Amino acid sequence: MKSLTSPKVVKDILKRHGFEFSKGLGQNFLIDGNILDKIVNGADICGDDFILEVGPGIGTLTRALSNRAAKVVAVEIDDRLFPILDETLEGYENVHVIHGDILDIDIHGIVEHYFDGHPFKVVANLPYYITSPIIMSFLEGDLPYTDMVVMIQREVADRIVAYPGTKDYGALTVAVQYYTEPNIIVKVPASVFMPPPKVDSAMVRLTRRDHLPLDEREAKLFFQVVKAAFSKRRKTLLNALSSYSFKEDMGDKDDIRKILEGCEIDPSRRGETLSVDEFVSLARGCMKMICK
């Protein structure tokens, strides 16, 4: 079967099916075999893995995944691609393609029906315009994923792996690092896609943490604190938290100062300098104040 990383082959397939790229769906198809190998190797896929792919496109990554995994379920929103996928995935018996929007589809149902409830990995070339919502939907969705290996905009990748005190460090960083241990697998130039996007990309691996430090109520407060801290980046923590409307009574400015000092956090620091562990400590301190 012809290689789907060959620009000529891809152009011939698209022309034959009368397919035109949709800018609104952020369609950019990978046409580099070396990058493809790095993605699959970076996901550490073995013969008993179940894979959920988001946006298979013409099936380039889908094929590579199916050659190593037990089963691949690919969710594609663009039904114009289904005739192409019928052709390119012919004979790949362990692949199932489902029509739907990954933000609306019943992923729990997919896990039960296709994976028999087993843990799975997410591997995908994500549309840039909805990267963060897709990632957060998995992180917050109480799903049995073990890893997410996703191609995203380089700028977003840099934010996800950023350190406290850097310009890229923000609420997204803290949220992703609360749930997972992220690392960049490979940086990817725009030239390896058809059509090339206007920005470079990166493949990141988000490995799920075995245990989260906070219970459900504490976690809700944690994300409120994070949002408050980054809503006014130039303000000190004391002023940012004091001016934020929390859903539960946090007390007055003096109470918030006591919380910060009790957590051994200088009230004059800015939110962007706090580590995830310090935000966890702060959320616990806030909960103690609320529960008094």
C-alpha atoms as a PDB file:
ATOM      1  CA  MET A   1       0.000   0.000   0.000  1.00  0.00           C
ATOM      2  CA  LYS A   2       1.303   3.447  -0.915  1.00  0.00           C
ATOM      3  CA  SER A   3       2.839   5.648   1.767  1.00  0.00           C
ATOM      4  CA  LEU A   4       0.598   8.397   3.101  1.00  0.00           C
ATOM      5  CA  THR A   5       3.645  10.507   3.967  1.00  0.00           C
ATOM      6  CA  SER A   6       4.396  10.974   0.267  1.00  0.00           C
ATOM      7  CA  PRO A   7       3.180  14.415  -0.855  1.00  0.00           C
ATOM      8  CA  LYS A   8       2.475  13.059  -4.335  1.00  0.00           C
ATOM      9  CA  VAL A   9       0.379  10.176  -3.008  1.00  0.00           C
ATOM     10  CA  VAL A  10      -1.573  12.472  -0.701  1.00  0.00           C
ATOM     11  CA  LYS A  11      -2.238  14.985  -3.491  1.00  0.00           C
ATOM     12  CA  ASP A  12      -3.424  12.186  -5.796  1.00  0.00           C
ATOM     13  CA  ILE A  13      -5.803  10.806  -3.159  1.00  0.00           C
ATOM     14  CA  LEU A  14      -7.254  14.215  -2.334  1.00  0.00           C
ATOM     15  CA  LYS A  15      -7.670  15.128  -6.002  1.00  0.00           C
ATOM     16  CA  ARG A  16      -9.339  11.821  -6.819  1.00  0.00           C
ATOM     17  CA  HIS A  17     -11.869  12.319  -4.017  1.00  0.00           C
ATOM     18  CA  GLY A  18     -12.362  16.016  -4.753  1.00  0.00           C
ATOM     19  CA  PHE A  19     -11.326  16.947  -1.234  1.00  0.00           C
ATOM     20  CA  GLU A  20     -10.482  20.535  -0.303  1.00  0.00           C
ATOM     21  CA  PHE A  21      -8.961  21.544   3.037  1.00  0.00           C
ATOM     22  CA  SER A  22     -11.150  23.309   5.568  1.00  0.00           C
ATOM     23  CA  LYS A  23      -9.441  26.180   7.364  1.00  0.00           C
ATOM     24  CA  GLY A  24     -12.290  26.219   9.860  1.00  0.00           C
ATOM     25  CA  LEU A  25     -11.460  22.653  10.953  1.00  0.00           C
ATOM     26  CA  GLY A  26      -7.729  23.306  11.168  1.00  0.00           C
ATOM     27  CA  GLN A  27      -6.818  20.514   8.745  1.00  0.00           C
ATOM     28  CA  ASN A  28      -3.081  19.957   8.253  1.00  0.00           C
ATOM     29  CA  PHE A  29      -1.988  16.457   7.224  1.00  0.00           C
ATOM     30  CA  LEU A  30       1.395  15.083   8.280  1.00  0.00           C
ATOM     31  CA  ILE A  31       3.664  14.162   5.333  1.00  0.00           C
ATOM     32  CA  ASP A  32       6.929  13.255   7.057  1.00  0.00           C
ATOM     33  CA  GLY A  33       7.771   9.631   7.862  1.00  0.00           C
ATOM     34  CA  ASN A  34      10.500  10.475  10.373  1.00  0.00           C
ATOM     35  CA  ILE A  35       8.168  12.636  12.455  1.00  0.00           C
ATOM     36  CA  LEU A  36       5.505   9.946  12.226  1.00  0.00           C
ATOM     37  CA  ASP A  37       7.929   7.383  13.659  1.00  0.00           C
ATOM     38  CA  LYS A  38       8.906   9.741  16.491  1.00  0.00           C
ATOM     39  CA  ILE A  39       5.256  10.215  17.414  1.00  0.00           C
ATOM     40  CA  VAL A  40       4.515   6.493  17.580  1.00  0.00           C
ATOM     41  CA  ASN A  41       7.774   5.726  19.385  1.00  0.00           C
ATOM     42  CA  GLY A  42       7.160   8.579  21.822  1.00  0.00           C
ATOM     43  CA  ALA A  43       3.781   7.101  22.712  1.00  0.00           C
ATOM     44  CA  ASP A  44       5.444   3.792  23.699  1.00  0.00           C
ATOM     45  CA  ILE A  45       2.696   1.783  22.018  1.00  0.00           C
ATOM     46  CA  CYS A  46       2.689  -1.991  22.488  1.00  0.00           C
ATOM     47  CA  GLY A  47       0.479  -4.826  21.319  1.00  0.00           C
ATOM     48  CA  ASP A  48      -2.076  -4.640  24.125  1.00  0.00           C
ATOM     49  CA  ASP A  49      -2.635  -0.868  24.008  1.00  0.00           C
ATOM     50  CA  PHE A  50      -5.986   0.713  23.186  1.00  0.00           C
ATOM     51  CA  ILE A  51      -5.691   4.011  21.317  1.00  0.00           C
ATOM     52  CA  LEU A  52      -8.145   6.870  20.894  1.00  0.00           C
ATOM     53  CA  GLU A  53      -7.195   9.138  18.002  1.00  0.00           C
ATOM     54  CA  VAL A  54      -8.737  12.561  17.490  1.00  0.00           C
ATOM     55  CA  GLY A  55      -9.009  13.717  13.882  1.00  0.00           C
ATOM     56  CA  PRO A  56      -7.429  10.945  11.785  1.00  0.00           C
ATOM     57  CA  GLY A  57      -7.453  13.033   8.599  1.00  0.00           C
ATOM     58  CA  ILE A  58      -6.626  10.642   5.768  1.00  0.00           C
ATOM     59  CA  GLY A  59      -5.401   7.934   8.159  1.00  0.00           C
ATOM     60  CA  THR A  60      -1.628   8.505   8.120  1.00  0.00           C
ATOM     61  CA  LEU A  61      -1.119   8.294  11.893  1.00  0.00           C
ATOM     62  CA  THR A  62      -4.010   5.827  12.204  1.00  0.00           C
ATOM     63  CA  ARG A  63      -2.165   3.254  10.110  1.00  0.00           C
ATOM     64  CA  ALA A  64       1.038   3.612  12.105  1.00  0.00           C
ATOM     65  CA  LEU A  65      -0.860   3.248  15.369  1.00  0.00           C
ATOM     66  CA  SER A  66      -2.805   0.201  14.220  1.00  0.00           C
ATOM     67  CA  ASN A  67       0.409  -1.608  13.277  1.00  0.00           C
ATOM     68  CA  ARG A  68       1.449  -1.601  16.951  1.00  0.00           C
ATOM     69  CA  ALA A  69      -1.717  -1.352  19.037  1.00  0.00           C
ATOM     70  CA  ALA A  70      -4.450  -3.818  19.898  1.00  0.00           C
ATOM     71  CA  LYS A  71      -7.197  -1.457  18.759  1.00  0.00           C
ATOM     72  CA  VAL A  72      -7.530   2.094  17.453  1.00  0.00           C
ATOM     73  CA  VAL A  73     -10.705   4.149  17.586  1.00  0.00           C
ATOM     74  CA  ALA A  74     -10.509   7.368  15.558  1.00  0.00           C
ATOM     75  CA  VAL A  75     -13.051  10.173  15.962  1.00  0.00           C
ATOM     76  CA  GLU A  76     -13.426  12.371  12.871  1.00  0.00           C
ATOM     77  CA  ILE A  77     -15.759  15.358  12.604  1.00  0.00           C
ATOM     78  CA  ASP A  78     -15.462  15.863   8.814  1.00  0.00           C
ATOM     79  CA  ASP A  79     -17.623  13.298   7.029  1.00  0.00           C
ATOM     80  CA  ARG A  80     -16.026  14.268   3.688  1.00  0.00           C
ATOM     81  CA  LEU A  81     -12.986  12.264   4.802  1.00  0.00           C
ATOM     82  CA  PHE A  82     -14.845   8.996   5.281  1.00  0.00           C
ATOM     83  CA  PRO A  83     -14.597   7.817   1.639  1.00  0.00           C
ATOM     84  CA  ILE A  84     -10.851   8.492   1.809  1.00  0.00           C
ATOM     85  CA  LEU A  85     -10.521   6.643   5.120  1.00  0.00           C
ATOM     86  CA  ASP A  86     -12.468   3.697   3.690  1.00  0.00           C
ATOM     87  CA  GLU A  87      -9.760   3.473   1.040  1.00  0.00           C
ATOM     88  CA  THR A  88      -6.629   4.175   3.094  1.00  0.00           C
ATOM     89  CA  LEU A  89      -7.643   1.991   6.054  1.00  0.00           C
ATOM     90  CA  GLU A  90      -8.898  -0.950   4.021  1.00  0.00           C
ATOM     91  CA  GLY A  91      -7.609  -4.153   5.620  1.00  0.00           C
ATOM     92  CA  TYR A  92      -6.835  -2.536   8.984  1.00  0.00           C
ATOM     93  CA  GLU A  93      -9.220  -4.690  10.968  1.00  0.00           C
ATOM     94  CA  ASN A  94      -8.315  -3.270  14.391  1.00  0.00           C
ATOM     95  CA  VAL A  95      -9.362   0.278  13.411  1.00  0.00           C
ATOM     96  CA  HIS A  96     -12.812   1.793  13.979  1.00  0.00           C
ATOM     97  CA  VAL A  97     -13.637   5.268  12.683  1.00  0.00           C
ATOM     98  CA  ILE A  98     -16.483   7.175  14.323  1.00  0.00           C
ATOM     99  CA  HIS A  99     -18.128  10.327  13.029  1.00  0.00           C
ATOM    100  CA  GLY A 100     -18.435  12.998  15.694  1.00  0.00           C
ATOM    101  CA  ASP A 101     -17.099  16.026  17.544  1.00  0.00           C
ATOM    102  CA  ILE A 102     -14.636  14.944  20.238  1.00  0.00           C
ATOM    103  CA  LEU A 103     -15.978  17.681  22.552  1.00  0.00           C
ATOM    104  CA  ASP A 104     -19.543  16.318  22.297  1.00  0.00           C
ATOM    105  CA  ILE A 105     -19.163  12.594  21.733  1.00  0.00           C
ATOM    106  CA  ASP A 106     -19.671  10.059  24.551  1.00  0.00           C
ATOM    107  CA  ILE A 107     -16.078   9.039  25.244  1.00  0.00           C
ATOM    108  CA  HIS A 108     -17.128   6.932  28.233  1.00  0.00           C
ATOM    109  CA  GLY A 109     -19.354   4.975  25.845  1.00  0.00           C
ATOM    110  CA  ILE A 110     -16.473   4.490  23.410  1.00  0.00           C
ATOM    111  CA  VAL A 111     -14.250   3.213  26.225  1.00  0.00           C
ATOM    112  CA  GLU A 112     -16.878   0.712  27.370  1.00  0.00           C
ATOM    113  CA  HIS A 113     -17.919  -0.451  23.899  1.00  0.00           C
ATOM    114  CA  TYR A 114     -14.585  -0.629  22.080  1.00  0.00           C
ATOM    115  CA  PHE A 115     -12.024  -0.928  24.893  1.00  0.00           C
ATOM    116  CA  ASP A 116     -14.104  -3.019  27.333  1.00  0.00           C
ATOM    117  CA  GLY A 117     -13.479  -0.353  29.949  1.00  0.00           C
ATOM    118  CA  HIS A 118      -9.687  -0.766  29.785  1.00  0.00           C
ATOM    119  CA  PRO A 119      -7.281   2.188  30.153  1.00  0.00           C
ATOM    120  CA  PHE A 120      -6.312   3.818  26.873  1.00  0.00           C
ATOM    121  CA  LYS A 121      -3.917   6.304  25.330  1.00  0.00           C
ATOM    122  CA  VAL A 122      -4.897   9.412  23.392  1.00  0.00           C
ATOM    123  CA  VAL A 123      -2.726  10.015  20.324  1.00  0.00           C
ATOM    124  CA  ALA A 124      -3.645  12.826  17.972  1.00  0.00           C
ATOM    125  CA  ASN A 125      -2.729  15.709  15.732  1.00  0.00           C
ATOM    126  CA  LEU A 126      -5.072  18.221  17.361  1.00  0.00           C
ATOM    127  CA  PRO A 127      -6.727  21.143  15.557  1.00  0.00           C
ATOM    128  CA  TYR A 128      -4.957  24.231  16.873  1.00  0.00           C
ATOM    129  CA  TYR A 129      -8.101  26.314  17.319  1.00  0.00           C
ATOM    130  CA  ILE A 130      -9.511  23.978  20.001  1.00  0.00           C
ATOM    131  CA  THR A 131      -6.347  22.446  21.459  1.00  0.00           C
ATOM    132  CA  SER A 132      -6.827  23.639  25.047  1.00  0.00           C
ATOM    133  CA  PRO A 133     -10.536  22.691  25.298  1.00  0.00           C
ATOM    134  CA  ILE A 134      -9.797  19.182  24.002  1.00  0.00           C
ATOM    135  CA  ILE A 135      -6.898  18.637  26.402  1.00  0.00           C
ATOM    136  CA  MET A 136      -8.861  19.941  29.382  1.00  0.00           C
ATOM    137  CA  SER A 137     -11.909  17.841  28.470  1.00  0.00           C
ATOM    138  CA  PHE A 138      -9.779  14.701  28.871  1.00  0.00           C
ATOM    139  CA  LEU A 139      -7.995  15.916  31.992  1.00  0.00           C
ATOM    140  CA  GLU A 140     -11.257  16.825  33.737  1.00  0.00           C
ATOM    141  CA  GLY A 141     -13.404  14.061  32.285  1.00  0.00           C
ATOM    142  CA  ASP A 142     -12.732  11.251  34.782  1.00  0.00           C
ATOM    143  CA  LEU A 143     -11.576   9.027  31.918  1.00  0.00           C
ATOM    144  CA  PRO A 144      -9.190   6.046  32.272  1.00  0.00           C
ATOM    145  CA  TYR A 145      -6.482   7.421  29.984  1.00  0.00           C
ATOM    146  CA  THR A 146      -2.840   6.735  30.886  1.00  0.00           C
ATOM    147  CA  ASP A 147      -1.141   9.134  28.461  1.00  0.00           C
ATOM    148  CA  MET A 148      -2.008  11.829  25.966  1.00  0.00           C
ATOM    149  CA  VAL A 149       0.448  12.171  23.095  1.00  0.00           C
ATOM    150  CA  VAL A 150      -0.691  15.125  21.031  1.00  0.00           C
ATOM    151  CA  MET A 151       0.609  17.371  18.268  1.00  0.00           C
ATOM    152  CA  ILE A 152      -0.116  20.967  19.233  1.00  0.00           C
ATOM    153  CA  GLN A 153       1.009  24.492  18.423  1.00  0.00           C
ATOM    154  CA  ARG A 154       4.602  25.051  19.586  1.00  0.00           C
ATOM    155  CA  GLU A 155       3.565  28.080  21.616  1.00  0.00           C
ATOM    156  CA  VAL A 156       0.993  26.038  23.568  1.00  0.00           C
ATOM    157  CA  ALA A 157       3.528  23.245  24.124  1.00  0.00           C
ATOM    158  CA  ASP A 158       5.967  25.755  25.594  1.00  0.00           C
ATOM    159  CA  ARG A 159       3.247  26.977  27.951  1.00  0.00           C
ATOM    160  CA  ILE A 160       2.376  23.457  29.073  1.00  0.00           C
ATOM    161  CA  VAL A 161       5.954  22.576  30.085  1.00  0.00           C
ATOM    162  CA  ALA A 162       6.879  26.033  31.443  1.00  0.00           C
ATOM    163  CA  TYR A 163       8.481  26.683  34.826  1.00  0.00           C
ATOM    164  CA  PRO A 164       7.241  29.150  37.463  1.00  0.00           C
ATOM    165  CA  GLY A 165       8.469  32.691  36.945  1.00  0.00           C
ATOM    166  CA  THR A 166       8.760  32.422  33.155  1.00  0.00           C
ATOM    167  CA  LYS A 167       6.649  34.331  30.640  1.00  0.00           C
ATOM    168  CA  ASP A 168       5.014  31.123  29.354  1.00  0.00           C
ATOM    169  CA  TYR A 169       3.896  29.997  32.814  1.00  0.00           C
ATOM    170  CA  GLY A 170       0.169  30.470  33.344  1.00  0.00           C
ATOM    171  CA  ALA A 171      -3.148  28.942  34.358  1.00  0.00           C
ATOM    172  CA  LEU A 172      -2.973  26.350  31.546  1.00  0.00           C
ATOM    173  CA  THR A 173       0.488  25.288  32.748  1.00  0.00           C
ATOM    174  CA  VAL A 174      -0.720  24.764  36.299  1.00  0.00           C
ATOM    175  CA  ALA A 175      -3.860  22.897  35.204  1.00  0.00           C
ATOM    176  CA  VAL A 176      -2.002  20.470  32.930  1.00  0.00           C
ATOM    177  CA  GLN A 177       0.819  19.921  35.428  1.00  0.00           C
ATOM    178  CA  TYR A 178      -1.694  19.312  38.226  1.00  0.00           C
ATOM    179  CA  TYR A 179      -3.149  16.348  36.334  1.00  0.00           C
ATOM    180  CA  THR A 180      -0.112  15.108  34.378  1.00  0.00           C
ATOM    181  CA  GLU A 181       3.647  15.093  33.942  1.00  0.00           C
ATOM    182  CA  PRO A 182       4.240  16.786  30.562  1.00  0.00           C
ATOM    183  CA  ASN A 183       7.257  16.677  28.292  1.00  0.00           C
ATOM    184  CA  ILE A 184       7.972  17.608  24.683  1.00  0.00           C
ATOM    185  CA  ILE A 185       8.751  14.581  22.493  1.00  0.00           C
ATOM    186  CA  VAL A 186       9.743  16.409  19.335  1.00  0.00           C
ATOM    187  CA  LYS A 187       9.551  19.910  17.891  1.00  0.00           C
ATOM    188  CA  VAL A 188       7.986  19.952  14.458  1.00  0.00           C
ATOM    189  CA  PRO A 189       8.438  22.538  11.671  1.00  0.00           C
ATOM    190  CA  ALA A 190       5.457  23.714   9.662  1.00  0.00           C
ATOM    191  CA  SER A 191       7.010  22.273   6.487  1.00  0.00           C
ATOM    192  CA  VAL A 192       6.104  18.664   7.394  1.00  0.00           C
ATOM    193  CA  PHE A 193       2.373  19.322   6.979  1.00  0.00           C
ATOM    194  CA  MET A 194       0.081  19.702   3.978  1.00  0.00           C
ATOM    195  CA  PRO A 195      -0.869  22.486   3.824  1.00  0.00           C
ATOM    196  CA  PRO A 196       1.797  23.970   6.114  1.00  0.00           C
ATOM    197  CA  PRO A 197       0.313  25.885   9.073  1.00  0.00           C
ATOM    198  CA  LYS A 198       1.485  29.399   9.852  1.00  0.00           C
ATOM    199  CA  VAL A 199       3.205  28.262  13.065  1.00  0.00           C
ATOM    200  CA  ASP A 200       5.538  25.483  14.157  1.00  0.00           C
ATOM    201  CA  SER A 201       4.299  22.584  16.232  1.00  0.00           C
ATOM    202  CA  ALA A 202       5.457  20.202  18.937  1.00  0.00           C
ATOM    203  CA  MET A 203       4.468  16.708  20.017  1.00  0.00           C
ATOM    204  CA  VAL A 204       3.923  16.531  23.765  1.00  0.00           C
ATOM    205  CA  ARG A 205       3.336  13.575  26.039  1.00  0.00           C
ATOM    206  CA  LEU A 206       1.130  14.100  29.078  1.00  0.00           C
ATOM    207  CA  THR A 207       1.501  11.176  31.476  1.00  0.00           C
ATOM    208  CA  ARG A 208      -1.327  10.934  33.965  1.00  0.00           C
ATOM    209  CA  ARG A 209      -0.398  11.237  37.629  1.00  0.00           C
ATOM    210  CA  ASP A 210      -1.289   8.141  39.658  1.00  0.00           C
ATOM    211  CA  HIS A 211      -2.696  10.171  42.541  1.00  0.00           C
ATOM    212  CA  LEU A 212      -4.015  13.720  42.763  1.00  0.00           C
ATOM    213  CA  PRO A 213      -3.190  15.647  45.955  1.00  0.00           C
ATOM    214  CA  LEU A 214      -6.630  17.190  46.519  1.00  0.00           C
ATOM    215  CA  ASP A 215     -10.137  15.845  46.990  1.00  0.00           C
ATOM    216  CA  GLU A 216     -12.971  17.043  44.751  1.00  0.00           C
ATOM    217  CA  ARG A 217     -13.973  20.060  46.854  1.00  0.00           C
ATOM    218  CA  GLU A 218     -10.362  21.124  47.409  1.00  0.00           C
ATOM    219  CA  ALA A 219      -9.646  20.756  43.681  1.00  0.00           C
ATOM    220  CA  LYS A 220     -12.514  23.110  42.785  1.00  0.00           C
ATOM    221  CA  LEU A 221     -11.080  25.678  45.158  1.00  0.00           C
ATOM    222  CA  PHE A 222      -7.580  25.043  43.766  1.00  0.00           C
ATOM    223  CA  PHE A 223      -8.682  26.059  40.266  1.00  0.00           C
ATOM    224  CA  GLN A 224     -10.486  29.119  41.602  1.00  0.00           C
ATOM    225  CA  VAL A 225      -7.269  30.171  43.349  1.00  0.00           C
ATOM    226  CA  VAL A 226      -5.246  29.592  40.183  1.00  0.00           C
ATOM    227  CA  LYS A 227      -7.717  31.591  38.097  1.00  0.00           C
ATOM    228  CA  ALA A 228      -7.656  34.414  40.638  1.00  0.00           C
ATOM    229  CA  ALA A 229      -3.859  34.456  40.792  1.00  0.00           C
ATOM    230  CA  PHE A 230      -3.471  34.740  37.019  1.00  0.00           C
ATOM    231  CA  SER A 231      -6.450  37.010  36.369  1.00  0.00           C
ATOM    232  CA  LYS A 232      -4.356  39.979  37.485  1.00  0.00           C
ATOM    233  CA  ARG A 233      -0.796  38.962  36.605  1.00  0.00           C
ATOM    234  CA  ARG A 234       0.713  42.285  37.637  1.00  0.00           C
ATOM    235  CA  LYS A 235      -0.949  42.270  41.039  1.00  0.00           C
ATOM    236  CA  THR A 236       0.515  40.667  44.139  1.00  0.00           C
ATOM    237  CA  LEU A 237      -1.113  37.456  45.311  1.00  0.00           C
ATOM    238  CA  LEU A 238      -2.645  39.291  48.239  1.00  0.00           C
ATOM    239  CA  ASN A 239      -4.323  41.871  46.018  1.00  0.00           C
ATOM    240  CA  ALA A 240      -5.285  39.394  43.290  1.00  0.00           C
ATOM    241  CA  LEU A 241      -6.949  36.991  45.735  1.00  0.00           C
ATOM    242  CA  SER A 242      -8.573  39.806  47.698  1.00  0.00           C
ATOM    243  CA  SER A 243     -10.214  41.307  44.600  1.00  0.00           C
ATOM    244  CA  TYR A 244     -11.464  37.974  43.207  1.00  0.00           C
ATOM    245  CA  SER A 245     -15.062  36.873  43.821  1.00  0.00           C
ATOM    246  CA  PHE A 246     -14.729  33.368  45.224  1.00  0.00           C
ATOM    247  CA  LYS A 247     -17.743  31.063  45.310  1.00  0.00           C
ATOM    248  CA  GLU A 248     -17.143  30.464  49.023  1.00  0.00           C
ATOM    249  CA  ASP A 249     -16.392  33.017  51.725  1.00  0.00           C
ATOM    250  CA  MET A 250     -12.633  33.525  51.909  1.00  0.00           C
ATOM    251  CA  GLY A 251     -12.823  36.294  54.485  1.00  0.00           C
ATOM    252  CA  ASP A 252     -11.343  39.765  54.133  1.00  0.00           C
ATOM    253  CA  LYS A 253      -7.894  40.901  53.037  1.00  0.00           C
ATOM    254  CA  ASP A 254      -6.405  40.267  56.470  1.00  0.00           C
ATOM    255  CA  ASP A 255      -7.740  36.701  56.410  1.00  0.00           C
ATOM    256  CA  ILE A 256      -6.157  36.098  53.010  1.00  0.00           C
ATOM    257  CA  ARG A 257      -2.878  37.506  54.266  1.00  0.00           C
ATOM    258  CA  LYS A 258      -3.010  35.030  57.170  1.00  0.00           C
ATOM    259  CA  ILE A 259      -3.696  32.164  54.765  1.00  0.00           C
ATOM    260  CA  LEU A 260      -0.694  33.074  52.603  1.00  0.00           C
ATOM    261  CA  GLU A 261       1.608  33.498  55.591  1.00  0.00           C
ATOM    262  CA  GLY A 262       0.338  30.218  57.061  1.00  0.00           C
ATOM    263  CA  CYS A 263       1.378  28.507  53.816  1.00  0.00           C
ATOM    264  CA  GLU A 264       4.765  30.240  54.022  1.00  0.00           C
ATOM    265  CA  ILE A 265       3.994  32.195  50.861  1.00  0.00           C
ATOM    266  CA  ASP A 266       5.015  35.840  50.753  1.00  0.00           C
ATOM    267  CA  PRO A 267       1.816  37.896  50.127  1.00  0.00           C
ATOM    268  CA  SER A 268       3.817  40.239  47.885  1.00  0.00           C
ATOM    269  CA  ARG A 269       4.657  37.469  45.389  1.00  0.00           C
ATOM    270  CA  ARG A 270       2.842  37.218  42.074  1.00  0.00           C
ATOM    271  CA  GLY A 271       0.848  34.177  41.008  1.00  0.00           C
ATOM    272  CA  GLU A 272       3.191  33.378  38.141  1.00  0.00           C
ATOM    273  CA  THR A 273       5.984  32.588  40.636  1.00  0.00           C
ATOM    274  CA  LEU A 274       4.082  29.849  42.496  1.00  0.00           C
ATOM    275  CA  SER A 275       4.758  26.190  41.747  1.00  0.00           C
ATOM    276  CA  VAL A 276       1.918  23.676  41.408  1.00  0.00           C
ATOM    277  CA  ASP A 277       2.776  22.337  44.882  1.00  0.00           C
ATOM    278  CA  GLU A 278       2.513  25.846  46.323  1.00  0.00           C
ATOM    279  CA  PHE A 279      -0.898  26.324  44.703  1.00  0.00           C
ATOM    280  CA  VAL A 280      -1.949  22.998  46.245  1.00  0.00           C
ATOM    281  CA  SER A 281      -0.762  24.198  49.669  1.00  0.00           C
ATOM    282  CA  LEU A 282      -2.588  27.494  49.175  1.00  0.00           C
ATOM    283  CA  ALA A 283      -5.841  25.731  48.238  1.00  0.00           C
ATOM    284  CA  ARG A 284      -5.616  23.635  51.402  1.00  0.00           C
ATOM    285  CA  GLY A 285      -5.001  26.758  53.461  1.00  0.00           C
ATOM    286  CA  CYS A 286      -8.040  28.430  51.910  1.00  0.00           C
ATOM    287  CA  MET A 287     -10.169  25.378  52.642  1.00  0.00           C
ATOM    288  CA  LYS A 288      -9.152  25.435  56.296  1.00  0.00           C
ATOM    289  CA  MET A 289     -10.220  29.071  56.496  1.00  0.00           C
ATOM    290  CA  ILE A 290     -13.580  28.301  54.877  1.00  0.00           C
ATOM    291  CA  CYS A 291     -14.241  25.347  57.178  1.00  0.00           C
ATOM    292  CA  LYS A 292     -13.552  27.269  60.408  1.00  0.00           C
END
